Amino acid sequence: MIQLSDAILSLVLLSVLLSLSSNRLMGLVRIMAFQGILVSLVPLFLDQHQGIGAGSILFLQIMILIKGILIPGFMYIAVNKVKMRTEVEPFVGYHASLFTGLAFIVISAYITERLNISLPGGHALLLITAITTMASGLFLLMARRKAITQVIGYLMMENGIYLVGAALAKESHTQYVVEFGVLLDLLVGVMIMGIVLHNINSAFDDVDTALLGRLKD
């Protein structure tokens, strides 16, 4: 059980690094769908959640549906709507972004060791993955020009927040962590459908957020 949870967390870290180094929007959508499913499964394999109830399992299934199907589906539609396939001229290059992601892993390991928090079953990798995912999502949000990629960064940051909750929450609080994650995911859906498809694309016929600087009263 412990080995399986570590394998899942390692795959989450790999998906983070792939997201930072990829410029293909469809590829990013697939990566985030994969990452969303993995993150949703993490609580099932933690020692303190072995007695998880039927209600919590139902919420986890809803999380998989939202993170692995609905949100990626909205993103897929958004990418097809704007007829864009790649992120062009990001604020930070892809090699530098990948190096930053590796640096986040090292820094997260240092922070986790310094915090000396009692983690479930000794899963230090859980908090390392959570901090890395959250920091990388924030970095992606700031380092890319296209609104769709920035929304993907927001979703990645939310995945990190969810993992932090899974690491720190007690068994009885698991369902509240899941519900909080659902609310954030719904917000991402609103951002995708409202901001990306309508406002930015309608105003500029593009999704480069740098163009927002042209707006005037």
Protein backbone atom coordinates (compact mmCIF):
# COMPACT_ATOMS: atom_id res chain seq x y z
CA MET A 1 0.00 0.00 0.00
CA ILE A 2 2.79 2.40 0.91
CA GLN A 3 4.75 1.51 -2.23
CA LEU A 4 1.68 2.13 -4.39
CA SER A 5 1.06 5.55 -2.84
CA ASP A 6 4.70 6.53 -3.42
CA ALA A 7 4.43 5.37 -7.03
CA ILE A 8 1.33 7.54 -7.53
CA LEU A 9 3.05 10.55 -5.97
CA SER A 10 6.12 10.00 -8.16
CA LEU A 11 3.88 10.01 -11.23
CA VAL A 12 2.33 13.27 -10.03
CA LEU A 13 5.82 14.81 -9.80
CA LEU A 14 6.59 13.52 -13.29
CA SER A 15 3.40 15.09 -14.63
CA VAL A 16 4.41 18.41 -13.05
CA LEU A 17 7.78 18.35 -14.80
CA LEU A 18 6.16 17.39 -18.10
CA SER A 19 3.73 20.30 -17.76
CA LEU A 20 6.55 22.77 -17.22
CA SER A 21 8.49 21.53 -20.25
CA SER A 22 5.60 21.16 -22.72
CA ASN A 23 4.41 23.80 -25.17
CA ARG A 24 1.59 21.78 -26.76
CA LEU A 25 -1.79 22.75 -25.35
CA MET A 26 -3.46 19.42 -26.12
CA GLY A 27 -0.57 17.64 -24.43
CA LEU A 28 -1.00 19.84 -21.38
CA VAL A 29 -4.70 19.02 -21.25
CA ARG A 30 -3.92 15.28 -21.29
CA ILE A 31 -1.25 15.68 -18.63
CA MET A 32 -3.62 17.58 -16.35
CA ALA A 33 -6.34 14.95 -16.83
CA PHE A 34 -3.82 12.26 -15.85
CA GLN A 35 -2.58 14.32 -12.90
CA GLY A 36 -6.13 15.03 -11.72
CA ILE A 37 -6.97 11.32 -11.62
CA LEU A 38 -3.77 10.49 -9.73
CA VAL A 39 -4.30 13.27 -7.17
CA SER A 40 -7.89 12.14 -6.60
CA LEU A 41 -6.69 8.59 -5.86
CA VAL A 42 -4.04 9.59 -3.29
CA PRO A 43 -6.34 9.60 -0.18
CA LEU A 44 -7.37 6.00 -0.90
CA PHE A 45 -3.81 4.78 -0.34
CA LEU A 46 -2.91 6.69 2.82
CA ASP A 47 -2.67 4.72 6.05
CA GLN A 48 -4.91 7.03 8.07
CA HIS A 49 -7.66 6.74 5.45
CA GLN A 50 -7.87 2.95 5.29
CA GLY A 51 -11.23 3.09 7.04
CA ILE A 52 -12.63 5.67 4.64
CA GLY A 53 -16.43 5.68 4.54
CA ALA A 54 -18.84 5.22 1.66
CA GLY A 55 -19.64 8.94 1.59
CA SER A 56 -16.00 9.91 1.24
CA ILE A 57 -15.50 7.32 -1.51
CA LEU A 58 -18.43 8.87 -3.38
CA PHE A 59 -16.82 12.31 -3.12
CA LEU A 60 -13.53 10.86 -4.38
CA GLN A 61 -15.35 9.42 -7.38
CA ILE A 62 -16.84 12.84 -8.04
CA MET A 63 -13.34 14.30 -7.82
CA ILE A 64 -12.09 11.84 -10.44
CA LEU A 65 -15.02 12.74 -12.68
CA ILE A 66 -14.35 16.47 -12.34
CA LYS A 67 -10.54 16.43 -12.44
CA GLY A 68 -10.10 13.62 -14.96
CA ILE A 69 -13.03 14.16 -17.36
CA LEU A 70 -15.09 17.35 -16.99
CA ILE A 71 -12.35 19.96 -16.54
CA PRO A 72 -10.06 18.43 -19.23
CA GLY A 73 -13.14 18.26 -21.47
CA PHE A 74 -13.75 21.99 -21.00
CA MET A 75 -10.09 22.64 -21.77
CA TYR A 76 -10.25 20.50 -24.89
CA ILE A 77 -13.23 22.49 -26.13
CA ALA A 78 -11.43 25.75 -25.30
CA VAL A 79 -8.32 24.76 -27.26
CA ASN A 80 -10.42 23.79 -30.29
CA LYS A 81 -12.41 27.02 -30.07
CA VAL A 82 -9.36 29.27 -30.22
CA LYS A 83 -7.68 27.03 -32.83
CA MET A 84 -4.32 27.13 -31.08
CA ARG A 85 -2.02 24.20 -30.56
CA THR A 86 1.13 25.58 -28.92
CA GLU A 87 2.24 28.17 -26.38
CA VAL A 88 4.37 30.74 -28.22
CA GLU A 89 7.04 32.93 -26.59
CA PRO A 90 6.39 32.26 -22.91
CA PHE A 91 7.76 34.67 -20.33
CA VAL A 92 10.10 31.91 -19.11
CA GLY A 93 11.58 29.34 -21.50
CA TYR A 94 10.83 25.63 -21.28
CA HIS A 95 14.32 24.48 -20.27
CA ALA A 96 14.43 27.13 -17.56
CA SER A 97 10.93 26.08 -16.46
CA LEU A 98 12.00 22.44 -16.19
CA PHE A 99 15.04 23.44 -14.14
CA THR A 100 12.77 25.52 -11.90
CA GLY A 101 10.52 22.49 -11.37
CA LEU A 102 13.51 20.38 -10.31
CA ALA A 103 14.55 23.18 -7.96
CA PHE A 104 11.05 23.20 -6.47
CA ILE A 105 11.41 19.48 -5.65
CA VAL A 106 14.70 20.07 -3.81
CA ILE A 107 13.31 23.10 -1.96
CA SER A 108 10.14 21.19 -1.05
CA ALA A 109 12.20 18.34 0.38
CA TYR A 110 14.17 20.83 2.48
CA ILE A 111 10.99 22.54 3.72
CA THR A 112 9.36 19.21 4.57
CA GLU A 113 12.40 18.15 6.59
CA ARG A 114 12.55 21.46 8.43
CA LEU A 115 8.83 21.52 9.26
CA ASN A 116 9.11 18.15 11.01
CA ILE A 117 5.38 17.45 10.58
CA SER A 118 3.98 14.05 11.50
CA LEU A 119 2.79 12.68 8.16
CA PRO A 120 0.61 9.62 7.50
CA GLY A 121 2.70 6.46 7.51
CA GLY A 122 5.87 8.51 7.21
CA HIS A 123 4.93 9.70 3.72
CA ALA A 124 7.37 12.59 3.43
CA LEU A 125 6.94 12.33 -0.34
CA LEU A 126 3.30 13.38 0.06
CA LEU A 127 4.11 16.83 1.39
CA ILE A 128 7.06 17.19 -1.00
CA THR A 129 4.74 16.47 -3.92
CA ALA A 130 2.09 18.83 -2.56
CA ILE A 131 4.46 21.79 -2.17
CA THR A 132 6.12 21.14 -5.54
CA THR A 133 2.78 20.89 -7.35
CA MET A 134 1.44 24.03 -5.71
CA ALA A 135 4.60 26.06 -6.42
CA SER A 136 4.85 24.79 -10.01
CA GLY A 137 1.22 25.69 -10.66
CA LEU A 138 1.83 29.23 -9.43
CA PHE A 139 4.98 29.42 -11.57
CA LEU A 140 3.10 28.20 -14.66
CA LEU A 141 0.40 30.77 -13.97
CA MET A 142 2.99 33.58 -14.07
CA ALA A 143 5.41 32.24 -16.69
CA ARG A 144 3.01 31.66 -19.61
CA ARG A 145 1.21 34.11 -21.89
CA LYS A 146 -1.81 32.12 -23.04
CA ALA A 147 -4.87 32.21 -20.81
CA ILE A 148 -5.53 28.50 -21.27
CA THR A 149 -2.05 27.61 -20.03
CA GLN A 150 -2.53 29.94 -17.08
CA VAL A 151 -5.79 28.19 -16.20
CA ILE A 152 -3.90 24.88 -16.34
CA GLY A 153 -1.41 26.40 -13.89
CA TYR A 154 -4.30 27.35 -11.60
CA LEU A 155 -5.63 23.81 -11.75
CA MET A 156 -2.18 22.42 -10.95
CA MET A 157 -1.93 24.78 -7.98
CA GLU A 158 -5.32 23.52 -6.79
CA ASN A 159 -4.07 19.94 -7.06
CA GLY A 160 -1.20 20.92 -4.77
CA ILE A 161 -3.63 22.45 -2.28
CA TYR A 162 -5.66 19.25 -2.36
CA LEU A 163 -2.54 17.18 -1.60
CA VAL A 164 -1.63 19.48 1.29
CA GLY A 165 -5.11 18.88 2.70
CA ALA A 166 -4.73 15.14 2.23
CA ALA A 167 -1.40 15.25 4.07
CA LEU A 168 -2.57 17.29 7.03
CA ALA A 169 -6.23 16.32 7.46
CA LYS A 170 -7.37 13.70 9.92
CA GLU A 171 -9.58 10.84 8.81
CA SER A 172 -12.82 12.51 9.90
CA HIS A 173 -12.01 15.64 7.90
CA THR A 174 -11.27 13.94 4.60
CA GLN A 175 -14.69 14.62 3.10
CA TYR A 176 -14.34 18.36 3.79
CA VAL A 177 -11.00 18.45 1.98
CA VAL A 178 -12.65 16.77 -1.00
CA GLU A 179 -15.58 19.20 -0.99
CA PHE A 180 -13.16 22.14 -0.91
CA GLY A 181 -11.36 20.70 -3.90
CA VAL A 182 -14.65 20.31 -5.78
CA LEU A 183 -15.49 23.97 -5.23
CA LEU A 184 -12.12 25.08 -6.56
CA ASP A 185 -12.53 22.83 -9.60
CA LEU A 186 -15.90 24.36 -10.35
CA LEU A 187 -14.25 27.78 -10.19
CA VAL A 188 -11.71 26.61 -12.75
CA GLY A 189 -14.58 25.54 -15.01
CA VAL A 190 -16.11 28.99 -14.74
CA MET A 191 -12.77 30.58 -15.57
CA ILE A 192 -12.36 28.42 -18.65
CA MET A 193 -15.85 28.92 -20.05
CA GLY A 194 -16.29 32.57 -19.02
CA ILE A 195 -12.91 34.22 -19.37
CA VAL A 196 -11.02 32.19 -21.94
CA LEU A 197 -13.75 31.48 -24.49
CA HIS A 198 -15.81 34.66 -24.33
CA ASN A 199 -13.95 37.74 -23.12
CA ILE A 200 -10.35 37.33 -24.28
CA ASN A 201 -10.97 35.49 -27.55
CA SER A 202 -13.88 37.76 -28.52
CA ALA A 203 -11.97 40.96 -27.81
CA PHE A 204 -8.60 40.07 -29.39
CA ASP A 205 -9.18 36.96 -31.51
CA ASP A 206 -6.34 35.49 -29.46
CA VAL A 207 -5.74 34.21 -25.94
CA ASP A 208 -2.49 36.01 -25.22
CA THR A 209 -3.08 37.73 -21.87
CA ALA A 210 -0.39 40.28 -22.71
CA LEU A 211 -2.96 41.81 -25.07
CA LEU A 212 -5.08 42.79 -22.07
CA GLY A 213 -2.72 45.74 -21.61
CA ARG A 214 -4.39 47.32 -24.65
CA LEU A 215 -7.70 47.67 -22.87
CA LYS A 216 -8.78 51.23 -22.14
CA ASP A 217 -11.76 52.80 -20.42
